[in-house]
Amino acid sequence: MIEKIARKRGASYIGGKVDLHEVSRILLHELHDGILGKITLDIPKMIKQESVKLEKTYPINL
């Protein structure tokens, strides 16, 4: 998959060898800029823990 991405983004050397540093830089840049869509690197457990922490810090009083 990385090889296909590298070729599509122009991150391969002459001879077809992948420039992993360059393709990694491109992917991180695209992730940061939202080009790849809405992606999170958090796992559900981390999201739940953060949610509980926020609820304790900022309780909702209805």
Protein backbone atom coordinates (compact mmCIF):
# COMPACT_ATOMS: atom_id res chain seq x y z
CA MET A 1 0.00 0.00 0.00
CA ILE A 2 2.81 2.40 0.89
CA GLU A 3 4.42 1.71 -2.50
CA LYS A 4 1.19 2.64 -4.32
CA ILE A 5 0.85 5.82 -2.28
CA ALA A 6 4.50 6.69 -2.93
CA ARG A 7 4.12 6.26 -6.68
CA LYS A 8 0.89 8.26 -6.77
CA ARG A 9 2.45 11.08 -4.73
CA GLY A 10 5.79 11.02 -6.55
CA ALA A 11 7.75 9.72 -3.56
CA SER A 12 9.79 7.01 -5.24
CA TYR A 13 13.35 6.91 -6.48
CA ILE A 14 14.47 6.12 -10.01
CA GLY A 15 14.07 2.37 -10.32
CA GLY A 16 10.83 2.37 -8.33
CA LYS A 17 12.29 2.15 -4.82
CA VAL A 18 10.10 3.91 -2.26
CA ASP A 19 11.39 6.97 -0.38
CA LEU A 20 9.83 6.09 2.98
CA HIS A 21 10.86 9.38 4.57
CA GLU A 22 9.20 11.42 1.83
CA VAL A 23 6.00 9.35 1.65
CA SER A 24 5.72 9.50 5.46
CA ARG A 25 6.14 13.28 5.39
CA ILE A 26 3.47 13.58 2.70
CA LEU A 27 1.01 11.35 4.58
CA LEU A 28 1.49 13.24 7.85
CA HIS A 29 1.03 16.55 6.05
CA GLU A 30 -2.17 15.32 4.38
CA LEU A 31 -3.47 13.92 7.68
CA HIS A 32 -2.76 17.23 9.43
CA ASP A 33 -4.45 19.26 6.69
CA GLY A 34 -7.55 17.05 6.63
CA ILE A 35 -6.93 15.93 3.05
CA LEU A 36 -7.36 12.29 4.10
CA GLY A 37 -10.71 13.03 5.74
CA LYS A 38 -11.71 13.02 9.37
CA ILE A 39 -9.33 10.54 10.95
CA THR A 40 -8.40 10.17 14.60
CA LEU A 41 -5.49 8.25 16.01
CA ASP A 42 -7.30 7.83 19.32
CA ILE A 43 -8.71 4.46 20.25
CA PRO A 44 -12.22 4.15 21.74
CA LYS A 45 -10.81 3.50 25.24
CA MET A 46 -8.85 6.77 25.10
CA ILE A 47 -11.91 8.68 23.92
CA LYS A 48 -14.02 7.26 26.77
CA GLN A 49 -11.36 8.13 29.36
CA GLU A 50 -11.14 11.70 28.07
CA SER A 51 -14.94 11.99 28.08
CA VAL A 52 -15.15 10.85 31.72
CA LYS A 53 -12.37 13.27 32.68
CA LEU A 54 -14.17 16.18 31.00
CA GLU A 55 -17.49 15.29 32.66
CA LYS A 56 -15.80 15.37 36.07
CA THR A 57 -14.02 18.65 35.33
CA TYR A 58 -16.98 20.40 33.71
CA PRO A 59 -20.20 18.83 35.01
CA ILE A 60 -23.40 19.57 33.13
CA ASN A 61 -26.05 20.89 35.50
CA LEU A 62 -29.48 20.64 33.93
